[in-house]
Amino acid sequence: MELGDMGILQSELWKELTADSREGSRAILRLEKKGLIARKKELHEGRWTYRVFAKRRYSTIDSIVDIPCAFCDLVGNCPQSWIMNPSKCEHLTKWLQSHASSVSAVTESAE
C-alpha cells in the first residue's frame, strides 16, 4: 500500500483493511486527533468522502543518496570538526536547505 503523496480514499482503506466504515471512521478520527494523518474532503463517483494522507513519512535510501558528503571532492581537506557540520560546509548547508524546503512543500500539500 505505497501511495505516497496521493493518499488513499477512506472507502478504499476500509476495503484494504477489511474493516467496516464505522470501525474505520473511529480509527481515522483517533489518528487525526493525534496528528498522524490529514483528511481532505473529495467528491468521488458522485459521493463525498475523504482522502487520507500520512503526515509522517519513513526515510528511504533515496532521501540521502544525494548527500554531498558521500561524493565530496573536498572531504579529505575537511578538518575532523567539520565532518557533517552544516555550519562549516557550504555544500551540506545547501543540500539541507533544499531538502528541508521540499519536505515542507509535501507536508503543506497534505494539509
N, C-alpha and C. Protein backbone atom coordinates (compact mmCIF):
# COMPACT_ATOMS: atom_id res chain seq x y z
N MET A 1 0.84 -1.17 0.00
CA MET A 1 0.00 0.00 0.00
C MET A 1 0.90 1.24 0.00
N GLU A 2 1.70 1.41 -1.02
CA GLU A 2 2.61 2.54 -1.18
C GLU A 2 1.95 3.62 -2.03
N LEU A 3 1.31 4.59 -1.39
CA LEU A 3 0.55 5.59 -2.13
C LEU A 3 1.19 6.97 -2.11
N GLY A 4 2.18 7.17 -1.23
CA GLY A 4 2.92 8.42 -1.22
C GLY A 4 2.06 9.65 -1.07
N ASP A 5 2.30 10.63 -1.94
CA ASP A 5 1.62 11.92 -1.84
C ASP A 5 0.17 11.88 -2.29
N MET A 6 -0.24 10.80 -2.96
CA MET A 6 -1.62 10.70 -3.46
C MET A 6 -2.62 10.45 -2.35
N GLY A 7 -2.20 9.86 -1.25
CA GLY A 7 -3.12 9.50 -0.20
C GLY A 7 -4.00 8.34 -0.64
N ILE A 8 -5.02 8.06 0.15
CA ILE A 8 -5.95 6.97 -0.18
C ILE A 8 -7.35 7.38 0.26
N LEU A 9 -8.34 7.03 -0.52
CA LEU A 9 -9.73 7.29 -0.14
C LEU A 9 -10.08 6.42 1.06
N GLN A 10 -10.86 7.00 1.99
CA GLN A 10 -11.26 6.23 3.17
C GLN A 10 -11.93 4.92 2.78
N SER A 11 -12.81 4.96 1.81
CA SER A 11 -13.53 3.74 1.40
C SER A 11 -12.57 2.67 0.88
N GLU A 12 -11.52 3.09 0.16
CA GLU A 12 -10.52 2.13 -0.32
C GLU A 12 -9.71 1.57 0.84
N LEU A 13 -9.45 2.42 1.83
CA LEU A 13 -8.70 1.99 3.00
C LEU A 13 -9.48 0.93 3.77
N TRP A 14 -10.81 1.14 3.91
CA TRP A 14 -11.63 0.15 4.62
C TRP A 14 -11.55 -1.20 3.92
N LYS A 15 -11.64 -1.19 2.59
CA LYS A 15 -11.57 -2.45 1.82
C LYS A 15 -10.22 -3.12 2.01
N GLU A 16 -9.17 -2.32 1.95
CA GLU A 16 -7.80 -2.85 2.10
C GLU A 16 -7.60 -3.50 3.47
N LEU A 17 -8.20 -2.89 4.50
CA LEU A 17 -8.04 -3.37 5.88
C LEU A 17 -9.14 -4.34 6.30
N THR A 18 -10.08 -4.60 5.42
CA THR A 18 -11.27 -5.41 5.71
C THR A 18 -11.96 -4.95 7.01
N ALA A 19 -12.20 -3.64 7.07
CA ALA A 19 -12.88 -3.03 8.22
C ALA A 19 -14.18 -2.41 7.73
N ASP A 20 -15.17 -2.34 8.62
CA ASP A 20 -16.40 -1.64 8.22
C ASP A 20 -16.20 -0.14 8.41
N SER A 21 -17.08 0.66 7.82
CA SER A 21 -16.89 2.11 7.82
C SER A 21 -17.00 2.70 9.23
N ARG A 22 -17.82 2.13 10.07
CA ARG A 22 -17.96 2.63 11.44
C ARG A 22 -16.66 2.45 12.21
N GLU A 23 -16.13 1.25 12.15
CA GLU A 23 -14.88 0.94 12.84
C GLU A 23 -13.73 1.78 12.26
N GLY A 24 -13.68 1.87 10.94
CA GLY A 24 -12.63 2.63 10.27
C GLY A 24 -12.69 4.12 10.57
N SER A 25 -13.90 4.67 10.58
CA SER A 25 -14.06 6.09 10.86
C SER A 25 -13.57 6.45 12.25
N ARG A 26 -13.86 5.61 13.22
CA ARG A 26 -13.38 5.86 14.59
C ARG A 26 -11.86 5.85 14.64
N ALA A 27 -11.25 4.88 13.96
CA ALA A 27 -9.79 4.79 13.94
C ALA A 27 -9.18 6.01 13.27
N ILE A 28 -9.77 6.44 12.15
CA ILE A 28 -9.27 7.60 11.42
C ILE A 28 -9.35 8.86 12.28
N LEU A 29 -10.45 9.04 12.98
CA LEU A 29 -10.60 10.21 13.84
C LEU A 29 -9.56 10.23 14.96
N ARG A 30 -9.26 9.06 15.53
CA ARG A 30 -8.22 8.98 16.57
C ARG A 30 -6.86 9.35 15.99
N LEU A 31 -6.55 8.84 14.80
CA LEU A 31 -5.26 9.14 14.16
C LEU A 31 -5.16 10.63 13.80
N GLU A 32 -6.28 11.20 13.38
CA GLU A 32 -6.29 12.62 13.03
C GLU A 32 -6.08 13.49 14.28
N LYS A 33 -6.72 13.12 15.40
CA LYS A 33 -6.54 13.87 16.65
C LYS A 33 -5.09 13.81 17.13
N LYS A 34 -4.42 12.70 16.88
CA LYS A 34 -3.02 12.56 17.30
C LYS A 34 -2.06 13.26 16.33
N GLY A 35 -2.60 13.77 15.22
CA GLY A 35 -1.76 14.48 14.27
C GLY A 35 -0.96 13.58 13.34
N LEU A 36 -1.36 12.32 13.23
CA LEU A 36 -0.62 11.38 12.39
C LEU A 36 -1.09 11.37 10.94
N ILE A 37 -2.34 11.82 10.73
CA ILE A 37 -2.89 11.86 9.37
C ILE A 37 -3.61 13.18 9.14
N ALA A 38 -3.85 13.47 7.88
CA ALA A 38 -4.69 14.61 7.50
C ALA A 38 -5.75 14.08 6.55
N ARG A 39 -6.93 14.69 6.58
CA ARG A 39 -8.00 14.28 5.67
C ARG A 39 -8.42 15.48 4.83
N LYS A 40 -8.77 15.18 3.59
CA LYS A 40 -9.25 16.22 2.67
C LYS A 40 -10.54 15.73 2.03
N LYS A 41 -11.60 16.54 2.12
CA LYS A 41 -12.90 16.16 1.56
C LYS A 41 -12.80 16.12 0.05
N GLU A 42 -13.42 15.10 -0.56
CA GLU A 42 -13.33 14.90 -2.01
C GLU A 42 -14.60 14.26 -2.54
N LEU A 43 -15.03 14.70 -3.71
CA LEU A 43 -16.17 14.09 -4.39
C LEU A 43 -15.64 12.96 -5.27
N HIS A 44 -16.07 11.74 -4.97
CA HIS A 44 -15.59 10.57 -5.70
C HIS A 44 -16.79 9.75 -6.19
N GLU A 45 -16.92 9.63 -7.49
CA GLU A 45 -18.02 8.87 -8.10
C GLU A 45 -19.38 9.33 -7.56
N GLY A 46 -19.54 10.67 -7.47
CA GLY A 46 -20.82 11.23 -7.05
C GLY A 46 -21.10 11.22 -5.56
N ARG A 47 -20.13 10.77 -4.76
CA ARG A 47 -20.32 10.72 -3.30
C ARG A 47 -19.18 11.44 -2.61
N TRP A 48 -19.51 12.13 -1.52
CA TRP A 48 -18.47 12.79 -0.75
C TRP A 48 -17.77 11.79 0.15
N THR A 49 -16.47 11.87 0.17
CA THR A 49 -15.65 11.01 1.01
C THR A 49 -14.42 11.81 1.40
N TYR A 50 -13.51 11.19 2.08
CA TYR A 50 -12.27 11.85 2.47
C TYR A 50 -11.09 11.09 1.90
N ARG A 51 -10.07 11.84 1.51
CA ARG A 51 -8.79 11.25 1.12
C ARG A 51 -7.87 11.41 2.33
N VAL A 52 -7.22 10.34 2.70
CA VAL A 52 -6.39 10.30 3.90
C VAL A 52 -4.92 10.36 3.49
N PHE A 53 -4.17 11.24 4.17
CA PHE A 53 -2.75 11.41 3.92
C PHE A 53 -1.96 11.18 5.21
N ALA A 54 -0.87 10.47 5.14
CA ALA A 54 0.01 10.31 6.29
C ALA A 54 0.80 11.60 6.47
N LYS A 55 0.92 12.07 7.70
CA LYS A 55 1.71 13.27 7.96
C LYS A 55 3.18 12.93 8.17
N ARG A 56 3.45 11.74 8.62
CA ARG A 56 4.83 11.31 8.84
C ARG A 56 5.22 10.32 7.77
N ARG A 57 6.44 10.42 7.35
CA ARG A 57 6.95 9.53 6.31
C ARG A 57 8.20 8.83 6.82
N TYR A 58 8.34 7.59 6.41
CA TYR A 58 9.55 6.87 6.75
C TYR A 58 10.65 7.22 5.78
N SER A 59 11.87 7.29 6.28
CA SER A 59 13.01 7.61 5.43
C SER A 59 13.36 6.42 4.55
N THR A 60 13.88 6.72 3.39
CA THR A 60 14.37 5.69 2.48
C THR A 60 15.78 6.07 2.07
N ILE A 61 16.47 5.17 1.43
CA ILE A 61 17.82 5.45 0.95
C ILE A 61 17.79 6.60 -0.06
N ASP A 62 16.69 6.73 -0.78
CA ASP A 62 16.56 7.81 -1.76
C ASP A 62 16.66 9.19 -1.10
N SER A 63 16.31 9.28 0.18
CA SER A 63 16.33 10.58 0.85
C SER A 63 17.74 11.05 1.18
N ILE A 64 18.72 10.14 1.17
CA ILE A 64 20.09 10.56 1.49
C ILE A 64 21.09 10.21 0.40
N VAL A 65 20.65 9.60 -0.68
CA VAL A 65 21.59 9.16 -1.71
C VAL A 65 22.37 10.31 -2.33
N ASP A 66 21.79 11.49 -2.35
CA ASP A 66 22.49 12.63 -2.96
C ASP A 66 23.15 13.55 -1.95
N ILE A 67 23.35 13.07 -0.71
CA ILE A 67 24.03 13.89 0.30
C ILE A 67 25.44 14.21 -0.20
N PRO A 68 25.85 15.46 -0.15
CA PRO A 68 27.12 15.85 -0.76
C PRO A 68 28.35 15.20 -0.13
N CYS A 69 28.31 14.85 1.13
CA CYS A 69 29.49 14.30 1.81
C CYS A 69 29.93 12.96 1.21
N ALA A 70 28.98 12.19 0.69
CA ALA A 70 29.30 10.87 0.17
C ALA A 70 30.24 10.92 -1.03
N PHE A 71 30.14 11.95 -1.84
CA PHE A 71 30.94 12.04 -3.06
C PHE A 71 31.71 13.36 -3.15
N CYS A 72 31.98 13.99 -2.02
CA CYS A 72 32.62 15.30 -2.00
C CYS A 72 34.11 15.18 -2.32
N ASP A 73 34.56 16.01 -3.26
CA ASP A 73 35.98 16.05 -3.60
C ASP A 73 36.81 16.69 -2.49
N LEU A 74 36.16 17.44 -1.62
CA LEU A 74 36.86 18.17 -0.56
C LEU A 74 36.93 17.41 0.76
N VAL A 75 36.33 16.24 0.83
CA VAL A 75 36.22 15.54 2.12
C VAL A 75 37.59 15.27 2.74
N GLY A 76 38.61 15.03 1.95
CA GLY A 76 39.95 14.82 2.50
C GLY A 76 40.56 16.07 3.09
N ASN A 77 40.07 17.23 2.67
CA ASN A 77 40.59 18.51 3.17
C ASN A 77 39.82 19.03 4.37
N CYS A 78 38.70 18.41 4.70
CA CYS A 78 37.89 18.87 5.83
C CYS A 78 38.57 18.52 7.14
N PRO A 79 38.69 19.49 8.05
CA PRO A 79 39.18 19.16 9.39
C PRO A 79 38.18 18.21 10.07
N GLN A 80 38.63 17.44 11.02
CA GLN A 80 37.78 16.47 11.72
C GLN A 80 36.52 17.12 12.27
N SER A 81 36.63 18.34 12.78
CA SER A 81 35.47 19.00 13.37
C SER A 81 34.45 19.45 12.33
N TRP A 82 34.78 19.47 11.06
CA TRP A 82 33.87 19.92 10.01
C TRP A 82 32.98 18.80 9.49
N ILE A 83 33.33 17.58 9.72
CA ILE A 83 32.60 16.46 9.13
C ILE A 83 31.13 16.52 9.55
N MET A 84 30.26 16.52 8.55
CA MET A 84 28.82 16.54 8.75
C MET A 84 28.37 17.73 9.58
N ASN A 85 28.96 18.89 9.36
CA ASN A 85 28.61 20.07 10.12
C ASN A 85 28.19 21.17 9.15
N PRO A 86 26.89 21.43 9.03
CA PRO A 86 26.43 22.43 8.07
C PRO A 86 26.88 23.85 8.38
N SER A 87 27.28 24.12 9.61
CA SER A 87 27.74 25.48 9.93
C SER A 87 29.12 25.75 9.33
N LYS A 88 29.84 24.70 8.93
CA LYS A 88 31.17 24.87 8.35
C LYS A 88 31.24 24.49 6.87
N CYS A 89 30.23 23.76 6.37
CA CYS A 89 30.29 23.25 5.00
C CYS A 89 29.16 23.85 4.15
N GLU A 90 29.52 24.65 3.18
CA GLU A 90 28.55 25.29 2.30
C GLU A 90 27.74 24.27 1.49
N HIS A 91 28.40 23.18 1.04
CA HIS A 91 27.73 22.16 0.24
C HIS A 91 26.64 21.45 1.05
N LEU A 92 26.98 21.09 2.28
CA LEU A 92 26.00 20.42 3.14
C LEU A 92 24.86 21.36 3.52
N THR A 93 25.17 22.61 3.78
CA THR A 93 24.14 23.61 4.11
C THR A 93 23.12 23.74 2.97
N LYS A 94 23.62 23.86 1.74
CA LYS A 94 22.72 23.99 0.58
C LYS A 94 21.86 22.75 0.41
N TRP A 95 22.45 21.57 0.61
CA TRP A 95 21.71 20.32 0.47
C TRP A 95 20.60 20.25 1.53
N LEU A 96 20.93 20.58 2.77
CA LEU A 96 19.93 20.55 3.85
C LEU A 96 18.80 21.54 3.59
N GLN A 97 19.15 22.74 3.12
CA GLN A 97 18.12 23.75 2.85
C GLN A 97 17.19 23.29 1.73
N SER A 98 17.74 22.72 0.67
CA SER A 98 16.88 22.26 -0.43
C SER A 98 16.03 21.08 0.00
N HIS A 99 16.60 20.21 0.82
CA HIS A 99 15.86 19.04 1.31
C HIS A 99 14.74 19.48 2.25
N ALA A 100 15.01 20.43 3.12
CA ALA A 100 14.00 20.92 4.07
C ALA A 100 12.86 21.61 3.34
N SER A 101 13.16 22.38 2.29
CA SER A 101 12.09 23.07 1.57
C SER A 101 11.21 22.09 0.81
N SER A 102 11.79 21.01 0.27
CA SER A 102 10.96 20.02 -0.44
C SER A 102 10.10 19.22 0.52
N VAL A 103 10.60 18.94 1.72
CA VAL A 103 9.82 18.22 2.73
C VAL A 103 8.66 19.09 3.21
N SER A 104 8.90 20.39 3.45
CA SER A 104 7.81 21.24 3.92
C SER A 104 6.76 21.45 2.85
N ALA A 105 7.15 21.44 1.57
CA ALA A 105 6.17 21.57 0.48
C ALA A 105 5.25 20.36 0.44
N VAL A 106 5.79 19.17 0.65
CA VAL A 106 4.98 17.94 0.67
C VAL A 106 4.03 17.96 1.86
N THR A 107 4.53 18.37 3.01
CA THR A 107 3.70 18.42 4.22
C THR A 107 2.55 19.40 4.04
N GLU A 108 2.82 20.58 3.47
CA GLU A 108 1.78 21.58 3.28
C GLU A 108 0.72 21.12 2.29
N SER A 109 1.12 20.37 1.27
CA SER A 109 0.13 19.90 0.28
C SER A 109 -0.80 18.85 0.86
N ALA A 110 -0.35 18.14 1.90
CA ALA A 110 -1.19 17.13 2.52
C ALA A 110 -2.19 17.74 3.51
N GLU A 111 -1.95 18.99 3.93
CA GLU A 111 -2.83 19.62 4.93
C GLU A 111 -3.97 20.32 4.31
